[in-house]
């Protein structure tokens, strides 16, 4: 008896970027500057062409599955800037 195979999760290509010049890679400091290829503001996230998934709370999910904690300025930082 054969066991049915269940397909695994679909994987995105390394980059969906077709721009010239190419957008910065997801792991670079300016990775958030890549173009949006799918936006879902009602759900609070956008997919960039470099594979970076960004969230409204400024958290990120890198293409390799690592996370970047939200990095919006804290209340003390905002108070100091005024």
N, C-alpha and C. Protein backbone atom coordinates (compact mmCIF):
# COMPACT_ATOMS: atom_id res chain seq x y z
N UNK A 1 0.84 -1.18 0.00
CA UNK A 1 0.00 0.00 0.00
C UNK A 1 0.88 1.24 0.00
N UNK A 2 0.56 2.15 -0.89
CA UNK A 2 1.34 3.37 -0.99
C UNK A 2 0.78 4.43 -0.06
N UNK A 3 1.67 5.16 0.57
CA UNK A 3 1.27 6.27 1.43
C UNK A 3 1.15 7.51 0.58
N UNK A 4 0.01 8.19 0.63
CA UNK A 4 -0.10 9.41 -0.18
C UNK A 4 0.87 10.47 0.31
N UNK A 5 1.44 11.17 -0.62
CA UNK A 5 2.36 12.25 -0.26
C UNK A 5 1.59 13.55 -0.14
N UNK A 6 1.89 14.26 0.88
CA UNK A 6 1.27 15.56 1.11
C UNK A 6 2.26 16.62 0.68
N UNK A 7 1.85 17.50 -0.21
CA UNK A 7 2.80 18.53 -0.66
C UNK A 7 3.19 19.44 0.49
N UNK A 8 4.45 19.81 0.53
CA UNK A 8 4.95 20.72 1.55
C UNK A 8 4.56 22.15 1.21
N UNK A 9 4.94 23.08 2.08
CA UNK A 9 4.61 24.48 1.82
C UNK A 9 5.33 24.99 0.58
N UNK A 10 4.66 25.82 -0.17
CA UNK A 10 5.30 26.40 -1.36
C UNK A 10 6.40 27.34 -0.92
N UNK A 11 7.47 27.35 -1.64
CA UNK A 11 8.59 28.25 -1.33
C UNK A 11 8.71 29.29 -2.41
N UNK A 12 8.98 30.49 -1.97
CA UNK A 12 9.20 31.57 -2.92
C UNK A 12 10.60 31.47 -3.50
N UNK A 13 10.78 31.94 -4.70
CA UNK A 13 12.15 32.00 -5.23
C UNK A 13 12.98 32.95 -4.38
N UNK A 14 14.27 32.89 -4.51
CA UNK A 14 15.15 33.75 -3.73
C UNK A 14 14.76 35.20 -3.82
N UNK A 15 14.35 35.63 -4.97
CA UNK A 15 13.94 37.02 -5.14
C UNK A 15 12.87 37.09 -6.22
N UNK A 16 11.88 37.92 -5.98
CA UNK A 16 10.85 38.18 -6.97
C UNK A 16 11.17 39.48 -7.71
N UNK A 17 12.34 40.02 -7.46
CA UNK A 17 12.72 41.32 -8.00
C UNK A 17 13.13 41.21 -9.46
N UNK A 18 12.43 41.95 -10.28
CA UNK A 18 12.76 42.02 -11.70
C UNK A 18 13.19 43.43 -12.09
N UNK A 19 13.50 44.25 -11.10
CA UNK A 19 13.85 45.64 -11.34
C UNK A 19 15.32 45.78 -11.71
N UNK A 20 15.60 46.87 -12.43
CA UNK A 20 16.98 47.21 -12.76
C UNK A 20 17.19 48.65 -12.31
N UNK A 21 18.10 48.91 -11.41
CA UNK A 21 18.92 47.96 -10.68
C UNK A 21 18.07 47.15 -9.69
N UNK A 22 18.60 46.01 -9.30
CA UNK A 22 17.87 45.11 -8.40
C UNK A 22 17.69 45.75 -7.03
N UNK A 23 16.60 45.41 -6.39
CA UNK A 23 16.33 45.90 -5.04
C UNK A 23 17.32 45.27 -4.07
N UNK A 24 17.53 45.88 -2.91
CA UNK A 24 18.47 45.32 -1.94
C UNK A 24 17.97 43.97 -1.40
N UNK A 25 18.90 43.07 -1.06
CA UNK A 25 18.50 41.78 -0.51
C UNK A 25 17.78 41.95 0.82
N UNK A 26 16.98 40.96 1.19
CA UNK A 26 16.17 41.03 2.41
C UNK A 26 17.01 41.20 3.66
N UNK A 27 18.18 40.59 3.72
CA UNK A 27 19.01 40.63 4.93
C UNK A 27 19.87 41.89 5.04
N UNK A 28 19.84 42.76 4.03
CA UNK A 28 20.66 43.97 4.09
C UNK A 28 19.96 45.03 4.95
N UNK A 29 20.72 45.99 5.47
CA UNK A 29 20.12 47.04 6.30
C UNK A 29 19.02 47.84 5.59
N UNK A 30 19.10 47.96 4.27
CA UNK A 30 18.09 48.70 3.53
C UNK A 30 17.11 47.78 2.80
N UNK A 31 16.95 46.56 3.29
CA UNK A 31 16.07 45.58 2.67
C UNK A 31 14.62 46.03 2.57
N UNK A 32 14.18 46.90 3.48
CA UNK A 32 12.80 47.39 3.46
C UNK A 32 12.54 48.34 2.30
N UNK A 33 13.57 48.72 1.55
CA UNK A 33 13.41 49.63 0.42
C UNK A 33 12.96 48.90 -0.85
N UNK A 34 12.83 47.59 -0.80
CA UNK A 34 12.40 46.82 -1.97
C UNK A 34 10.94 47.13 -2.30
N UNK A 35 10.55 46.82 -3.53
CA UNK A 35 9.19 47.08 -4.00
C UNK A 35 8.19 46.09 -3.40
N UNK A 36 7.00 46.57 -3.14
CA UNK A 36 5.92 45.72 -2.62
C UNK A 36 5.33 44.92 -3.78
N UNK A 37 5.21 43.60 -3.60
CA UNK A 37 4.58 42.76 -4.63
C UNK A 37 3.21 42.27 -4.19
N UNK A 38 2.94 42.28 -2.89
CA UNK A 38 1.62 41.91 -2.37
C UNK A 38 1.39 42.69 -1.09
N UNK A 39 0.32 43.48 -1.07
CA UNK A 39 0.01 44.28 0.12
C UNK A 39 -1.33 43.84 0.68
N UNK A 40 -1.38 43.62 1.97
CA UNK A 40 -2.61 43.26 2.66
C UNK A 40 -2.74 44.13 3.91
N UNK A 41 -3.02 45.43 3.73
CA UNK A 41 -3.09 46.33 4.88
C UNK A 41 -4.19 45.94 5.87
N UNK A 42 -5.25 45.30 5.37
CA UNK A 42 -6.31 44.86 6.27
C UNK A 42 -5.84 43.77 7.22
N UNK A 43 -4.77 43.07 6.84
CA UNK A 43 -4.19 42.03 7.68
C UNK A 43 -2.89 42.49 8.34
N UNK A 44 -2.39 43.66 7.92
CA UNK A 44 -1.21 44.24 8.55
C UNK A 44 0.12 43.76 8.03
N UNK A 45 0.20 43.31 6.77
CA UNK A 45 1.48 42.85 6.25
C UNK A 45 1.60 43.13 4.76
N UNK A 46 2.87 43.15 4.30
CA UNK A 46 3.19 43.30 2.88
C UNK A 46 4.38 42.41 2.54
N UNK A 47 4.37 41.86 1.34
CA UNK A 47 5.49 41.06 0.83
C UNK A 47 6.28 41.91 -0.14
N UNK A 48 7.58 42.00 0.08
CA UNK A 48 8.46 42.76 -0.81
C UNK A 48 9.08 41.82 -1.84
N UNK A 49 9.57 42.38 -2.93
CA UNK A 49 10.10 41.55 -4.02
C UNK A 49 11.37 40.80 -3.64
N UNK A 50 12.03 41.19 -2.56
CA UNK A 50 13.22 40.47 -2.11
C UNK A 50 12.87 39.33 -1.16
N UNK A 51 11.56 39.06 -0.98
CA UNK A 51 11.12 37.97 -0.13
C UNK A 51 10.88 38.36 1.31
N UNK A 52 11.13 39.60 1.66
CA UNK A 52 10.94 40.08 3.02
C UNK A 52 9.45 40.32 3.27
N UNK A 53 8.95 39.81 4.38
CA UNK A 53 7.57 40.03 4.79
C UNK A 53 7.61 41.05 5.91
N UNK A 54 6.99 42.20 5.69
CA UNK A 54 7.01 43.26 6.70
C UNK A 54 5.61 43.42 7.29
N UNK A 55 5.57 43.74 8.58
CA UNK A 55 4.32 43.88 9.30
C UNK A 55 4.14 45.32 9.75
N UNK A 56 2.88 45.71 9.97
CA UNK A 56 2.57 47.08 10.38
C UNK A 56 3.23 47.47 11.69
N UNK A 57 3.51 46.50 12.57
CA UNK A 57 4.16 46.83 13.84
C UNK A 57 5.67 46.97 13.68
N UNK A 58 6.17 46.97 12.46
CA UNK A 58 7.57 47.09 12.04
C UNK A 58 8.38 45.81 12.27
N UNK A 59 7.73 44.71 12.64
CA UNK A 59 8.41 43.42 12.69
C UNK A 59 8.60 42.90 11.27
N UNK A 60 9.49 41.93 11.10
CA UNK A 60 9.79 41.39 9.78
C UNK A 60 9.99 39.88 9.86
N UNK A 61 9.72 39.22 8.74
CA UNK A 61 10.01 37.81 8.59
C UNK A 61 10.90 37.68 7.37
N UNK A 62 12.13 37.21 7.58
CA UNK A 62 13.09 37.06 6.49
C UNK A 62 12.74 35.82 5.68
N UNK A 63 13.17 35.75 4.42
CA UNK A 63 12.84 34.60 3.58
C UNK A 63 13.30 33.25 4.16
N UNK A 64 14.33 33.25 4.98
CA UNK A 64 14.82 31.99 5.55
C UNK A 64 14.08 31.59 6.83
N UNK A 65 13.07 32.38 7.22
CA UNK A 65 12.26 32.07 8.40
C UNK A 65 12.68 32.77 9.67
N UNK A 66 13.83 33.46 9.65
CA UNK A 66 14.23 34.21 10.84
C UNK A 66 13.33 35.43 11.00
N UNK A 67 13.16 35.85 12.24
CA UNK A 67 12.33 37.02 12.52
C UNK A 67 13.17 38.20 12.95
N UNK A 68 12.64 39.39 12.70
CA UNK A 68 13.23 40.64 13.17
C UNK A 68 12.16 41.27 14.05
N UNK A 69 12.50 41.53 15.30
CA UNK A 69 11.54 42.10 16.24
C UNK A 69 11.11 43.49 15.79
N UNK A 70 9.90 43.90 16.16
CA UNK A 70 9.47 45.26 15.83
C UNK A 70 10.50 46.28 16.29
N UNK A 71 10.73 47.29 15.47
CA UNK A 71 11.78 48.27 15.79
C UNK A 71 11.28 49.70 15.64
N UNK A 72 10.02 49.93 15.99
CA UNK A 72 9.54 51.32 15.98
C UNK A 72 10.06 52.01 17.23
N UNK A 73 10.22 53.32 17.18
CA UNK A 73 10.75 54.03 18.35
C UNK A 73 9.83 53.87 19.56
N UNK A 74 10.45 53.74 20.72
CA UNK A 74 9.69 53.63 21.96
C UNK A 74 9.19 54.99 22.43
N UNK A 75 8.39 55.00 23.45
CA UNK A 75 7.82 56.24 23.98
C UNK A 75 8.91 57.17 24.45
N UNK A 76 9.94 56.65 25.12
CA UNK A 76 11.03 57.51 25.60
C UNK A 76 11.77 58.14 24.43
N UNK A 77 11.98 57.40 23.37
CA UNK A 77 12.67 57.96 22.20
C UNK A 77 11.85 59.06 21.56
N UNK A 78 10.52 58.87 21.49
CA UNK A 78 9.66 59.91 20.90
C UNK A 78 9.66 61.16 21.75
N UNK A 79 9.60 61.00 23.09
CA UNK A 79 9.58 62.16 23.98
C UNK A 79 10.90 62.95 23.88
N UNK A 80 12.00 62.24 23.74
CA UNK A 80 13.32 62.90 23.65
C UNK A 80 13.47 63.67 22.35
N UNK A 81 12.76 63.25 21.29
CA UNK A 81 12.92 63.92 20.00
C UNK A 81 12.06 65.17 19.88
N UNK A 82 11.16 65.42 20.82
CA UNK A 82 10.28 66.60 20.74
C UNK A 82 10.82 67.76 21.50
